[in-house]
Each structure stands twice: as C-alpha cells, then as structure tokens.
Amino acid sequence: GGLLAGGTREPSSDTVVFDPARGQAVRLGSRGSPPRSHHDAAPVGGRWLCVVGGWDGSRRLATVTALDTERDVWEAWTATPGDCPPTGLSSHTCTRISDRELQVAGREGGIHTQRRYGSIYTLRLDPSARTYCYKQEGCHIASRSGHCAALLQTPGPHPGHQLLLFGGCNLAEPEVARHWSHGKIKEEPPVAPHLMEKLARLVSSGQGSQKGPHGLRHHSCSVVGPFAVLFGGETLTRARDTICNDLYIYDTRTSPPLWFHFPCADRGMKRVGHRTCLWNDQLYLVGGFGEDGRTASPQVCVLDFLI
C-alpha cells in the first residue's frame, strides 16, 4: 500500500516484495490486496503479515487484514465478541510483543473528532482462527500522529522492557507508553551484531545529549540492540525546508539514555513517510517522499558509515 504521489487521497493496493540479496522488487498478484495508506504492519508466526488500521480511500479503519505468505492471499480477519476497537486509526504504530499480542498506539479518529490525548490498545491475535480483539489500556499518552515506537530493554542487572514513542507531536522527549518487568517478554537474540558494533563506534565519536529531535513526525525508527535509529521525517519547528535527512541514535546503554545527532549533507536523502527495515545485519531505507514532500522516491538505500 501507501500513497504513490503527494496530495492524492487514493491509496495503493499493490503488494511488493523486495529481495535484498538480488536487489530486485517484484509486485505480487496476491488475491484480495486491500488499498491502504497511513497503516502499520507486523509479522506474525513466520507466516502472516498483519496490517492494522489505516486509510482505505474513504475512511480510517481499525481492522486487521493479513497476507498469508504460504497461500499468497490476503485475508480479512474477524473481530471476536468483546472486541473494543479504536474509532479509526491512521499514522499510528503497531508493535509486535509476541505472535499473539501487538501494542497499538496513537490518537483515534479524524481531525474534527480527535481527543487531546492518545490511547494504547492491546491487540490480541489468534492466527489459527484468523481472529483479533482490541482491549484499551487504562493509561493515556500524549496526542501523537506520525510518530514511531520502539520496544527497548531497560538497563540494569534484571532488564525489563519498555515501549517508547518518538515524535508525532511537539514534545522532544520519548514517552514511555508501557513497561514490562523482567521475564514478561521473551528475549530475542541479537539480529545485527556487526551493525550494533558500528553504531557503538559511531556514537563514541559524537557528543551525546539528553535532548532529542523536537517536533518530528513521519520519520522512521528501527531498533538495533540497545539503539533506536531514527531517520528523516518532517519537522514541525520550521516553516520552510521541513523535510529532514538527519540521523538520530538513541543510546539506552547509559542512564539516562543519550541522543546522538548526525546530519547528512546529501539533500537527495531527504525523506518523509518512509520506512527503515533491518535485514541481514544491514539497515535498508525504503519508500517515502523526497525533498518537495510530493515526489515518491523509488530508491532503496543501505545505511553505511565512514568512521
């Protein structure tokens, strides 16, 4: 999905697979591919790609639609009795906790119906039954749209996990949306040891700060070990030249965590509405609009360091 040009309201229904090993992108002819933009997605069970919420061209949704990669078909999953869904989701985040639980964060509804705060939902999944169920958590968050979320370990001898939200409003500091004590979330082995080492060397060459980027939205965020790596986005602090190409690294190895800022001199790397994806020890930059905020970029880039 996504938008193919700035200013359009009609989302794409294309399903595209990119093979990094071959450097090839292939459009799939998967049956039932839904039009979506401003959605989020999470892999489940090594088989399904669950798309949560988003804009379908006429309204904001809170439904779950999944691509079954074994059968190469899209399926509309069914809400179970007792489901308490959000009013409608767009530019929200969807974070995988396990194959049966996602955390959904953001504000609900359109511009005229939004509340002054955002909400947190636990989204329970049953892949075998193709069902889902929303449960609203009691806590409220700042009203955010176009933010990013990162599930990171807390420091200390018995680390737990916390779900941090970055940007999407005028706040500079990340917000702790949820916290889990030690052992509540299954530990995942490091998937990018060499990239983690490069990031550690990069931040050792910089000057850390407790203040992060202010007023950033529609940026990207990927978790690489103890680091949250943010790139690009649109700043709310300037009237002109609002599309960014800055790299920010949030280092949780220290207490309090520190921000490191690395500007990019290449204006051709300005991006908004893009994604970064971690695969095979490399960070890929995919999609988004360029410097004018309207022209979609067909490029796929890899983050590299000259240290």
C-alpha atoms as a PDB file:
ATOM      1  CA  GLY A   1       0.000   0.000   0.000  1.00  0.00           C
ATOM      2  CA  GLY A   2       0.923   3.624   0.617  1.00  0.00           C
ATOM      3  CA  LEU A   3       0.480   6.801  -1.426  1.00  0.00           C
ATOM      4  CA  LEU A   4       2.129   6.970  -4.843  1.00  0.00           C
ATOM      5  CA  ALA A   5       2.132  10.783  -5.072  1.00  0.00           C
ATOM      6  CA  GLY A   6       1.869  13.712  -2.682  1.00  0.00           C
ATOM      7  CA  GLY A   7      -1.588  15.253  -2.379  1.00  0.00           C
ATOM      8  CA  THR A   8      -3.506  12.171  -3.505  1.00  0.00           C
ATOM      9  CA  ARG A   9      -6.101  10.575  -1.225  1.00  0.00           C
ATOM     10  CA  GLU A  10      -6.317   7.265  -3.067  1.00  0.00           C
ATOM     11  CA  PRO A  11      -4.012   4.652  -1.515  1.00  0.00           C
ATOM     12  CA  SER A  12      -2.284   1.921  -3.465  1.00  0.00           C
ATOM     13  CA  SER A  13      -3.317  -1.724  -3.162  1.00  0.00           C
ATOM     14  CA  ASP A  14      -0.028  -3.052  -4.542  1.00  0.00           C
ATOM     15  CA  THR A  15       1.823  -5.788  -2.669  1.00  0.00           C
ATOM     16  CA  VAL A  16       5.528  -5.528  -3.456  1.00  0.00           C
ATOM     17  CA  VAL A  17       8.301  -7.854  -2.299  1.00  0.00           C
ATOM     18  CA  PHE A  18      11.880  -6.604  -2.256  1.00  0.00           C
ATOM     19  CA  ASP A  19      14.684  -9.192  -2.304  1.00  0.00           C
ATOM     20  CA  PRO A  20      17.815  -7.523  -0.832  1.00  0.00           C
ATOM     21  CA  ALA A  21      20.100 -10.379  -1.891  1.00  0.00           C
ATOM     22  CA  ARG A  22      19.198  -9.860  -5.561  1.00  0.00           C
ATOM     23  CA  GLY A  23      18.360  -6.176  -5.363  1.00  0.00           C
ATOM     24  CA  GLN A  24      15.011  -6.847  -7.042  1.00  0.00           C
ATOM     25  CA  ALA A  25      11.489  -5.625  -6.310  1.00  0.00           C
ATOM     26  CA  VAL A  26       8.567  -7.732  -7.540  1.00  0.00           C
ATOM     27  CA  ARG A  27       4.882  -6.813  -7.497  1.00  0.00           C
ATOM     28  CA  LEU A  28       2.804  -9.768  -6.339  1.00  0.00           C
ATOM     29  CA  GLY A  29      -0.598 -10.605  -7.725  1.00  0.00           C
ATOM     30  CA  SER A  30      -1.930 -11.635  -4.316  1.00  0.00           C
ATOM     31  CA  ARG A  31      -5.705 -12.007  -4.244  1.00  0.00           C
ATOM     32  CA  GLY A  32      -7.657  -9.583  -2.055  1.00  0.00           C
ATOM     33  CA  SER A  33      -4.886  -7.000  -1.709  1.00  0.00           C
ATOM     34  CA  PRO A  34      -6.516  -4.049   0.132  1.00  0.00           C
ATOM     35  CA  PRO A  35      -5.901  -0.344  -0.596  1.00  0.00           C
ATOM     36  CA  ARG A  36      -4.185   1.190   2.443  1.00  0.00           C
ATOM     37  CA  SER A  37      -2.129   4.175   3.497  1.00  0.00           C
ATOM     38  CA  HIS A  38      -1.053   5.533   6.894  1.00  0.00           C
ATOM     39  CA  HIS A  39      -1.267   1.965   8.240  1.00  0.00           C
ATOM     40  CA  ASP A  40       1.208  -0.187  10.140  1.00  0.00           C
ATOM     41  CA  ALA A  41       2.074  -3.870   9.937  1.00  0.00           C
ATOM     42  CA  ALA A  42       3.728  -6.640  11.942  1.00  0.00           C
ATOM     43  CA  PRO A  43       4.970 -10.150  11.057  1.00  0.00           C
ATOM     44  CA  VAL A  44       3.221 -12.945  12.955  1.00  0.00           C
ATOM     45  CA  GLY A  45       4.073 -16.620  13.263  1.00  0.00           C
ATOM     46  CA  GLY A  46       6.634 -16.591  10.468  1.00  0.00           C
ATOM     47  CA  ARG A  47       3.729 -16.783   8.027  1.00  0.00           C
ATOM     48  CA  TRP A  48       1.379 -13.772   8.210  1.00  0.00           C
ATOM     49  CA  LEU A  49       1.950 -10.063   7.664  1.00  0.00           C
ATOM     50  CA  CYS A  50      -0.787  -8.368   9.697  1.00  0.00           C
ATOM     51  CA  VAL A  51      -1.819  -4.896   8.519  1.00  0.00           C
ATOM     52  CA  VAL A  52      -3.560  -2.904  11.237  1.00  0.00           C
ATOM     53  CA  GLY A  53      -5.777   0.126  10.611  1.00  0.00           C
ATOM     54  CA  GLY A  54      -5.039   2.868   8.104  1.00  0.00           C
ATOM     55  CA  TRP A  55      -6.872   4.851   5.430  1.00  0.00           C
ATOM     56  CA  ASP A  56      -8.670   2.940   2.651  1.00  0.00           C
ATOM     57  CA  GLY A  57      -9.518   5.964   0.481  1.00  0.00           C
ATOM     58  CA  SER A  58     -12.787   6.831   2.221  1.00  0.00           C
ATOM     59  CA  ARG A  59     -12.374   6.231   5.965  1.00  0.00           C
ATOM     60  CA  ARG A  60      -9.989   5.345   8.772  1.00  0.00           C
ATOM     61  CA  LEU A  61     -10.081   1.701   9.826  1.00  0.00           C
ATOM     62  CA  ALA A  62      -9.191  -0.344  12.889  1.00  0.00           C
ATOM     63  CA  THR A  63      -9.482  -3.724  11.164  1.00  0.00           C
ATOM     64  CA  VAL A  64      -6.823  -6.423  10.762  1.00  0.00           C
ATOM     65  CA  THR A  65      -6.023  -7.753   7.293  1.00  0.00           C
ATOM     66  CA  ALA A  66      -3.275 -10.325   6.862  1.00  0.00           C
ATOM     67  CA  LEU A  67      -1.161 -11.555   3.971  1.00  0.00           C
ATOM     68  CA  ASP A  68      -0.829 -15.344   4.216  1.00  0.00           C
ATOM     69  CA  THR A  69       2.579 -15.855   2.618  1.00  0.00           C
ATOM     70  CA  GLU A  70       2.098 -19.617   2.330  1.00  0.00           C
ATOM     71  CA  ARG A  71      -1.107 -19.280   0.301  1.00  0.00           C
ATOM     72  CA  ASP A  72      -0.220 -15.912  -1.301  1.00  0.00           C
ATOM     73  CA  VAL A  73      -3.621 -14.439  -0.433  1.00  0.00           C
ATOM     74  CA  TRP A  74      -4.906 -11.551   1.690  1.00  0.00           C
ATOM     75  CA  GLU A  75      -7.416 -12.416   4.431  1.00  0.00           C
ATOM     76  CA  ALA A  76      -9.743 -10.138   6.383  1.00  0.00           C
ATOM     77  CA  TRP A  77      -9.566 -11.392   9.973  1.00  0.00           C
ATOM     78  CA  THR A  78     -12.668 -11.309  12.177  1.00  0.00           C
ATOM     79  CA  ALA A  79     -13.174  -9.375  15.409  1.00  0.00           C
ATOM     80  CA  THR A  80     -14.227 -11.587  18.328  1.00  0.00           C
ATOM     81  CA  PRO A  81     -17.121 -10.861  20.704  1.00  0.00           C
ATOM     82  CA  GLY A  82     -15.961  -8.381  23.340  1.00  0.00           C
ATOM     83  CA  ASP A  83     -13.771  -6.517  20.881  1.00  0.00           C
ATOM     84  CA  CYS A  84     -13.495  -2.793  21.780  1.00  0.00           C
ATOM     85  CA  PRO A  85     -11.790  -1.282  18.735  1.00  0.00           C
ATOM     86  CA  PRO A  86     -10.489   2.279  18.328  1.00  0.00           C
ATOM     87  CA  THR A  87     -12.711   4.759  16.456  1.00  0.00           C
ATOM     88  CA  GLY A  88     -10.295   4.649  13.499  1.00  0.00           C
ATOM     89  CA  LEU A  89      -6.539   4.569  13.152  1.00  0.00           C
ATOM     90  CA  SER A  90      -4.112   6.362  10.861  1.00  0.00           C
ATOM     91  CA  SER A  91      -0.444   7.322  11.287  1.00  0.00           C
ATOM     92  CA  HIS A  92      -0.410   5.129  14.409  1.00  0.00           C
ATOM     93  CA  THR A  93       2.119   2.490  15.464  1.00  0.00           C
ATOM     94  CA  CYS A  94       1.751  -1.264  15.814  1.00  0.00           C
ATOM     95  CA  THR A  95       4.495  -3.029  17.782  1.00  0.00           C
ATOM     96  CA  ARG A  96       4.896  -6.800  17.975  1.00  0.00           C
ATOM     97  CA  ILE A  97       5.184  -8.145  21.535  1.00  0.00           C
ATOM     98  CA  SER A  98       4.612 -11.796  20.581  1.00  0.00           C
ATOM     99  CA  ASP A  99       2.857 -13.821  17.880  1.00  0.00           C
ATOM    100  CA  ARG A 100      -0.380 -13.273  19.790  1.00  0.00           C
ATOM    101  CA  GLU A 101      -0.016  -9.707  21.035  1.00  0.00           C
ATOM    102  CA  LEU A 102       0.552  -6.328  19.376  1.00  0.00           C
ATOM    103  CA  GLN A 103       0.628  -2.898  21.026  1.00  0.00           C
ATOM    104  CA  VAL A 104      -1.211  -0.173  19.091  1.00  0.00           C
ATOM    105  CA  ALA A 105      -0.523   3.458  19.986  1.00  0.00           C
ATOM    106  CA  GLY A 106      -1.845   6.744  18.610  1.00  0.00           C
ATOM    107  CA  ARG A 107      -4.811   9.061  18.550  1.00  0.00           C
ATOM    108  CA  GLU A 108      -8.144   7.985  17.142  1.00  0.00           C
ATOM    109  CA  GLY A 109     -10.462   9.403  14.517  1.00  0.00           C
ATOM    110  CA  GLY A 110     -10.210  12.318  12.104  1.00  0.00           C
ATOM    111  CA  ILE A 111      -9.099  15.893  12.670  1.00  0.00           C
ATOM    112  CA  HIS A 112     -12.515  17.023  13.956  1.00  0.00           C
ATOM    113  CA  THR A 113     -13.035  14.101  16.343  1.00  0.00           C
ATOM    114  CA  GLN A 114      -9.575  13.662  17.862  1.00  0.00           C
ATOM    115  CA  ARG A 115      -9.172  13.843  21.610  1.00  0.00           C
ATOM    116  CA  ARG A 116      -6.492  15.806  23.403  1.00  0.00           C
ATOM    117  CA  TYR A 117      -4.735  12.584  24.311  1.00  0.00           C
ATOM    118  CA  GLY A 118      -3.758   9.355  22.589  1.00  0.00           C
ATOM    119  CA  SER A 119      -4.665   5.796  23.521  1.00  0.00           C
ATOM    120  CA  ILE A 120      -2.881   2.486  23.983  1.00  0.00           C
ATOM    121  CA  TYR A 121      -4.561  -0.733  22.854  1.00  0.00           C
ATOM    122  CA  THR A 122      -3.504  -4.322  23.333  1.00  0.00           C
ATOM    123  CA  LEU A 123      -4.414  -6.216  20.170  1.00  0.00           C
ATOM    124  CA  ARG A 124      -4.774  -9.956  20.777  1.00  0.00           C
ATOM    125  CA  LEU A 125      -4.398 -12.225  17.745  1.00  0.00           C
ATOM    126  CA  ASP A 126      -5.369 -15.839  17.096  1.00  0.00           C
ATOM    127  CA  PRO A 127      -3.679 -16.695  13.773  1.00  0.00           C
ATOM    128  CA  SER A 128      -5.143 -20.212  13.586  1.00  0.00           C
ATOM    129  CA  ALA A 129      -8.701 -18.847  13.888  1.00  0.00           C
ATOM    130  CA  ARG A 130      -7.947 -15.649  11.935  1.00  0.00           C
ATOM    131  CA  THR A 131      -9.466 -13.520  14.714  1.00  0.00           C
ATOM    132  CA  TYR A 132      -8.460 -10.463  16.722  1.00  0.00           C
ATOM    133  CA  CYS A 133      -9.627  -8.495  19.755  1.00  0.00           C
ATOM    134  CA  TYR A 134      -8.777  -4.971  20.947  1.00  0.00           C
ATOM    135  CA  LYS A 135      -8.526  -4.039  24.626  1.00  0.00           C
ATOM    136  CA  GLN A 136      -7.986  -0.410  25.599  1.00  0.00           C
ATOM    137  CA  GLU A 137      -5.412   0.101  28.331  1.00  0.00           C
ATOM    138  CA  GLY A 138      -6.185   2.437  31.197  1.00  0.00           C
ATOM    139  CA  CYS A 139      -3.270   4.786  30.588  1.00  0.00           C
ATOM    140  CA  HIS A 140      -3.354   7.765  28.221  1.00  0.00           C
ATOM    141  CA  ILE A 141      -0.473   9.111  26.162  1.00  0.00           C
ATOM    142  CA  ALA A 142       0.230  12.440  24.509  1.00  0.00           C
ATOM    143  CA  SER A 143      -1.819  13.036  21.363  1.00  0.00           C
ATOM    144  CA  ARG A 144       0.502  11.811  18.602  1.00  0.00           C
ATOM    145  CA  SER A 145       0.240  11.166  14.863  1.00  0.00           C
ATOM    146  CA  GLY A 146       3.074  10.165  12.548  1.00  0.00           C
ATOM    147  CA  HIS A 147       5.205   9.017  15.487  1.00  0.00           C
ATOM    148  CA  CYS A 148       7.404   5.925  15.822  1.00  0.00           C
ATOM    149  CA  ALA A 149       7.530   3.255  18.517  1.00  0.00           C
ATOM    150  CA  ALA A 150      10.438   1.166  19.807  1.00  0.00           C
ATOM    151  CA  LEU A 151      10.447  -1.815  22.178  1.00  0.00           C
ATOM    152  CA  LEU A 152      13.702  -1.496  24.111  1.00  0.00           C
ATOM    153  CA  GLN A 153      15.278  -3.190  27.110  1.00  0.00           C
ATOM    154  CA  THR A 154      15.603  -1.244  30.339  1.00  0.00           C
ATOM    155  CA  PRO A 155      19.154  -1.031  31.781  1.00  0.00           C
ATOM    156  CA  GLY A 156      20.183  -2.881  34.931  1.00  0.00           C
ATOM    157  CA  PRO A 157      21.018  -6.409  36.159  1.00  0.00           C
ATOM    158  CA  HIS A 158      17.419  -7.620  35.631  1.00  0.00           C
ATOM    159  CA  PRO A 159      16.314  -5.797  32.493  1.00  0.00           C
ATOM    160  CA  GLY A 160      12.675  -5.467  31.606  1.00  0.00           C
ATOM    161  CA  HIS A 161      11.214  -3.842  28.502  1.00  0.00           C
ATOM    162  CA  GLN A 162       9.554  -0.542  27.735  1.00  0.00           C
ATOM    163  CA  LEU A 163       7.624   0.722  24.748  1.00  0.00           C
ATOM    164  CA  LEU A 164       8.885   4.188  23.810  1.00  0.00           C
ATOM    165  CA  LEU A 165       7.124   6.637  21.485  1.00  0.00           C
ATOM    166  CA  PHE A 166       9.148   9.174  19.486  1.00  0.00           C
ATOM    167  CA  GLY A 167       7.810  12.316  17.781  1.00  0.00           C
ATOM    168  CA  GLY A 168       4.419  12.873  16.215  1.00  0.00           C
ATOM    169  CA  CYS A 169       3.855  15.992  18.363  1.00  0.00           C
ATOM    170  CA  ASN A 170       5.764  18.982  19.695  1.00  0.00           C
ATOM    171  CA  LEU A 171       7.401  17.017  22.516  1.00  0.00           C
ATOM    172  CA  ALA A 172      11.141  16.349  22.207  1.00  0.00           C
ATOM    173  CA  GLU A 173      11.482  13.576  24.768  1.00  0.00           C
ATOM    174  CA  PRO A 174      10.345   9.993  24.142  1.00  0.00           C
ATOM    175  CA  GLU A 175       7.319   8.847  26.109  1.00  0.00           C
ATOM    176  CA  VAL A 176       7.159   5.542  27.979  1.00  0.00           C
ATOM    177  CA  ALA A 177       3.845   4.079  26.845  1.00  0.00           C
ATOM    178  CA  ARG A 178       4.117   0.652  28.524  1.00  0.00           C
ATOM    179  CA  HIS A 179       6.547  -1.181  30.786  1.00  0.00           C
ATOM    180  CA  TRP A 180       7.111  -4.907  31.329  1.00  0.00           C
ATOM    181  CA  SER A 181       9.172  -6.381  34.159  1.00  0.00           C
ATOM    182  CA  HIS A 182      11.979  -8.886  33.680  1.00  0.00           C
ATOM    183  CA  GLY A 183      10.866 -12.147  32.048  1.00  0.00           C
ATOM    184  CA  LYS A 184       7.472 -10.905  30.823  1.00  0.00           C
ATOM    185  CA  ILE A 185       8.639 -10.608  27.208  1.00  0.00           C
ATOM    186  CA  LYS A 186      10.631 -13.359  25.534  1.00  0.00           C
ATOM    187  CA  GLU A 187      14.222 -12.361  24.882  1.00  0.00           C
ATOM    188  CA  GLU A 188      15.165 -12.148  21.218  1.00  0.00           C
ATOM    189  CA  PRO A 189      18.785 -12.894  20.191  1.00  0.00           C
ATOM    190  CA  PRO A 190      20.696 -10.006  18.580  1.00  0.00           C
ATOM    191  CA  VAL A 191      19.967  -9.974  14.853  1.00  0.00           C
ATOM    192  CA  ALA A 192      22.567  -7.410  13.779  1.00  0.00           C
ATOM    193  CA  PRO A 193      25.816  -7.803  15.764  1.00  0.00           C
ATOM    194  CA  HIS A 194      28.035  -6.045  13.202  1.00  0.00           C
ATOM    195  CA  LEU A 195      25.641  -3.120  12.798  1.00  0.00           C
ATOM    196  CA  MET A 196      25.428  -2.824  16.601  1.00  0.00           C
ATOM    197  CA  GLU A 197      29.221  -2.629  16.731  1.00  0.00           C
ATOM    198  CA  LYS A 198      29.279   0.076  14.029  1.00  0.00           C
ATOM    199  CA  LEU A 199      26.634   2.113  15.848  1.00  0.00           C
ATOM    200  CA  ALA A 200      28.601   1.836  19.112  1.00  0.00           C
ATOM    201  CA  ARG A 201      31.722   3.124  17.338  1.00  0.00           C
ATOM    202  CA  LEU A 202      29.733   5.923  15.705  1.00  0.00           C
ATOM    203  CA  VAL A 203      28.252   7.253  18.953  1.00  0.00           C
ATOM    204  CA  SER A 204      31.671   7.024  20.659  1.00  0.00           C
ATOM    205  CA  SER A 205      32.863   9.603  18.131  1.00  0.00           C
ATOM    206  CA  GLY A 206      29.976  12.005  18.852  1.00  0.00           C
ATOM    207  CA  GLN A 207      28.739  14.216  21.653  1.00  0.00           C
ATOM    208  CA  GLY A 208      25.655  12.884  23.424  1.00  0.00           C
ATOM    209  CA  SER A 209      22.743  15.000  24.627  1.00  0.00           C
ATOM    210  CA  GLN A 210      19.709  14.350  26.787  1.00  0.00           C
ATOM    211  CA  LYS A 211      17.574  16.357  24.336  1.00  0.00           C
ATOM    212  CA  GLY A 212      16.274  14.658  21.213  1.00  0.00           C
ATOM    213  CA  PRO A 213      14.744  15.979  17.969  1.00  0.00           C
ATOM    214  CA  HIS A 214      11.865  18.390  18.579  1.00  0.00           C
ATOM    215  CA  GLY A 215       8.610  18.179  16.645  1.00  0.00           C
ATOM    216  CA  LEU A 216       9.495  15.354  14.253  1.00  0.00           C
ATOM    217  CA  ARG A 217       6.832  13.269  12.505  1.00  0.00           C
ATOM    218  CA  HIS A 218       6.511  10.718   9.690  1.00  0.00           C
ATOM    219  CA  HIS A 219      10.129   9.688  10.323  1.00  0.00           C
ATOM    220  CA  SER A 220      11.424   6.117  10.581  1.00  0.00           C
ATOM    221  CA  CYS A 221      12.686   4.157  13.572  1.00  0.00           C
ATOM    222  CA  SER A 222      14.418   0.775  13.794  1.00  0.00           C
ATOM    223  CA  VAL A 223      15.670  -0.974  16.922  1.00  0.00           C
ATOM    224  CA  VAL A 224      19.227  -2.304  16.685  1.00  0.00           C
ATOM    225  CA  GLY A 225      20.132  -3.891  20.017  1.00  0.00           C
ATOM    226  CA  PRO A 226      20.271  -1.088  22.643  1.00  0.00           C
ATOM    227  CA  PHE A 227      19.916   1.616  19.974  1.00  0.00           C
ATOM    228  CA  ALA A 228      16.861   3.227  18.411  1.00  0.00           C
ATOM    229  CA  VAL A 229      17.878   4.577  14.992  1.00  0.00           C
ATOM    230  CA  LEU A 230      15.694   7.424  13.679  1.00  0.00           C
ATOM    231  CA  PHE A 231      15.988   8.963  10.226  1.00  0.00           C
ATOM    232  CA  GLY A 232      14.365  11.730   8.205  1.00  0.00           C
ATOM    233  CA  GLY A 233      10.827  12.907   8.693  1.00  0.00           C
ATOM    234  CA  GLU A 234       9.116  16.274   8.714  1.00  0.00           C
ATOM    235  CA  THR A 235       9.898  18.865  11.380  1.00  0.00           C
ATOM    236  CA  LEU A 236       7.163  20.977  12.937  1.00  0.00           C
ATOM    237  CA  THR A 237       9.670  23.629  14.063  1.00  0.00           C
ATOM    238  CA  ARG A 238      10.301  25.286  10.663  1.00  0.00           C
ATOM    239  CA  ALA A 239       8.009  26.965   8.139  1.00  0.00           C
ATOM    240  CA  ARG A 240      10.300  26.126   5.189  1.00  0.00           C
ATOM    241  CA  ASP A 241      12.635  23.261   4.277  1.00  0.00           C
ATOM    242  CA  THR A 242      10.682  20.973   6.591  1.00  0.00           C
ATOM    243  CA  ILE A 243      11.756  17.584   5.158  1.00  0.00           C
ATOM    244  CA  CYS A 244      14.797  16.205   7.002  1.00  0.00           C
ATOM    245  CA  ASN A 245      17.725  13.904   6.267  1.00  0.00           C
ATOM    246  CA  ASP A 246      19.158  13.732   9.785  1.00  0.00           C
ATOM    247  CA  LEU A 247      20.200  10.539  11.562  1.00  0.00           C
ATOM    248  CA  TYR A 248      19.459  10.319  15.290  1.00  0.00           C
ATOM    249  CA  ILE A 249      20.638   7.494  17.532  1.00  0.00           C
ATOM    250  CA  TYR A 250      19.040   6.955  20.945  1.00  0.00           C
ATOM    251  CA  ASP A 251      21.503   5.041  23.145  1.00  0.00           C
ATOM    252  CA  THR A 252      19.900   3.213  26.093  1.00  0.00           C
ATOM    253  CA  ARG A 253      23.179   1.780  27.445  1.00  0.00           C
ATOM    254  CA  THR A 254      23.561   4.824  29.702  1.00  0.00           C
ATOM    255  CA  SER A 255      21.281   6.166  32.423  1.00  0.00           C
ATOM    256  CA  PRO A 256      19.753   8.481  31.458  1.00  0.00           C
ATOM    257  CA  PRO A 257      19.848   7.491  27.767  1.00  0.00           C
ATOM    258  CA  LEU A 258      21.632   9.842  25.369  1.00  0.00           C
ATOM    259  CA  TRP A 259      20.815  11.213  21.916  1.00  0.00           C
ATOM    260  CA  PHE A 260      23.388  11.476  19.139  1.00  0.00           C
ATOM    261  CA  HIS A 261      22.723  13.610  16.065  1.00  0.00           C
ATOM    262  CA  PHE A 262      24.457  13.049  12.708  1.00  0.00           C
ATOM    263  CA  PRO A 263      23.429  15.465   9.912  1.00  0.00           C
ATOM    264  CA  CYS A 264      23.538  14.343   6.272  1.00  0.00           C
ATOM    265  CA  ALA A 265      24.957  16.676   3.624  1.00  0.00           C
ATOM    266  CA  ASP A 266      23.116  14.964   0.726  1.00  0.00           C
ATOM    267  CA  ARG A 267      19.801  16.786   0.167  1.00  0.00           C
ATOM    268  CA  GLY A 268      18.792  13.927  -2.120  1.00  0.00           C
ATOM    269  CA  MET A 269      18.428  11.779   1.018  1.00  0.00           C
ATOM    270  CA  LYS A 270      15.639  13.899   2.488  1.00  0.00           C
ATOM    271  CA  ARG A 271      12.689  11.591   3.203  1.00  0.00           C
ATOM    272  CA  VAL A 272       9.253  11.683   4.807  1.00  0.00           C
ATOM    273  CA  GLY A 273       6.747   8.849   5.170  1.00  0.00           C
ATOM    274  CA  HIS A 274       9.430   6.222   4.527  1.00  0.00           C
ATOM    275  CA  ARG A 275      10.447   3.071   6.400  1.00  0.00           C
ATOM    276  CA  THR A 276      13.717   1.543   7.561  1.00  0.00           C
ATOM    277  CA  CYS A 277      13.962  -2.251   7.698  1.00  0.00           C
ATOM    278  CA  LEU A 278      16.605  -4.362   9.424  1.00  0.00           C
ATOM    279  CA  TRP A 279      17.719  -7.390   7.403  1.00  0.00           C
ATOM    280  CA  ASN A 280      20.929  -9.445   7.339  1.00  0.00           C
ATOM    281  CA  ASP A 281      22.875  -7.036   9.566  1.00  0.00           C
ATOM    282  CA  GLN A 282      22.021  -4.030   7.395  1.00  0.00           C
ATOM    283  CA  LEU A 283      19.529  -1.182   7.667  1.00  0.00           C
ATOM    284  CA  TYR A 284      17.517  -0.532   4.493  1.00  0.00           C
ATOM    285  CA  LEU A 285      15.679   2.698   3.659  1.00  0.00           C
ATOM    286  CA  VAL A 286      12.541   2.136   1.583  1.00  0.00           C
ATOM    287  CA  GLY A 287       9.999   4.496   0.019  1.00  0.00           C
ATOM    288  CA  GLY A 288       8.815   7.900   1.195  1.00  0.00           C
ATOM    289  CA  PHE A 289       8.607  11.308  -0.455  1.00  0.00           C
ATOM    290  CA  GLY A 290      11.687  13.391  -1.219  1.00  0.00           C
ATOM    291  CA  GLU A 291      12.646  16.994  -0.536  1.00  0.00           C
ATOM    292  CA  ASP A 292       9.467  18.516  -2.009  1.00  0.00           C
ATOM    293  CA  GLY A 293       7.246  16.246   0.104  1.00  0.00           C
ATOM    294  CA  ARG A 294       5.284  15.212  -3.007  1.00  0.00           C
ATOM    295  CA  THR A 295       7.557  13.096  -5.231  1.00  0.00           C
ATOM    296  CA  ALA A 296       7.743   9.434  -4.228  1.00  0.00           C
ATOM    297  CA  SER A 297      11.253   8.002  -4.137  1.00  0.00           C
ATOM    298  CA  PRO A 298      11.790   4.679  -5.954  1.00  0.00           C
ATOM    299  CA  GLN A 299      15.190   4.197  -4.315  1.00  0.00           C
ATOM    300  CA  VAL A 300      16.190   1.556  -1.790  1.00  0.00           C
ATOM    301  CA  CYS A 301      19.262   2.629   0.210  1.00  0.00           C
ATOM    302  CA  VAL A 302      21.534   0.982   2.774  1.00  0.00           C
ATOM    303  CA  LEU A 303      22.892   2.824   5.804  1.00  0.00           C
ATOM    304  CA  ASP A 304      26.697   2.938   5.689  1.00  0.00           C
ATOM    305  CA  PHE A 305      29.261   4.573   7.961  1.00  0.00           C
ATOM    306  CA  LEU A 306      32.550   6.263   7.225  1.00  0.00           C
ATOM    307  CA  ILE A 307      34.126   6.096  10.687  1.00  0.00           C
END
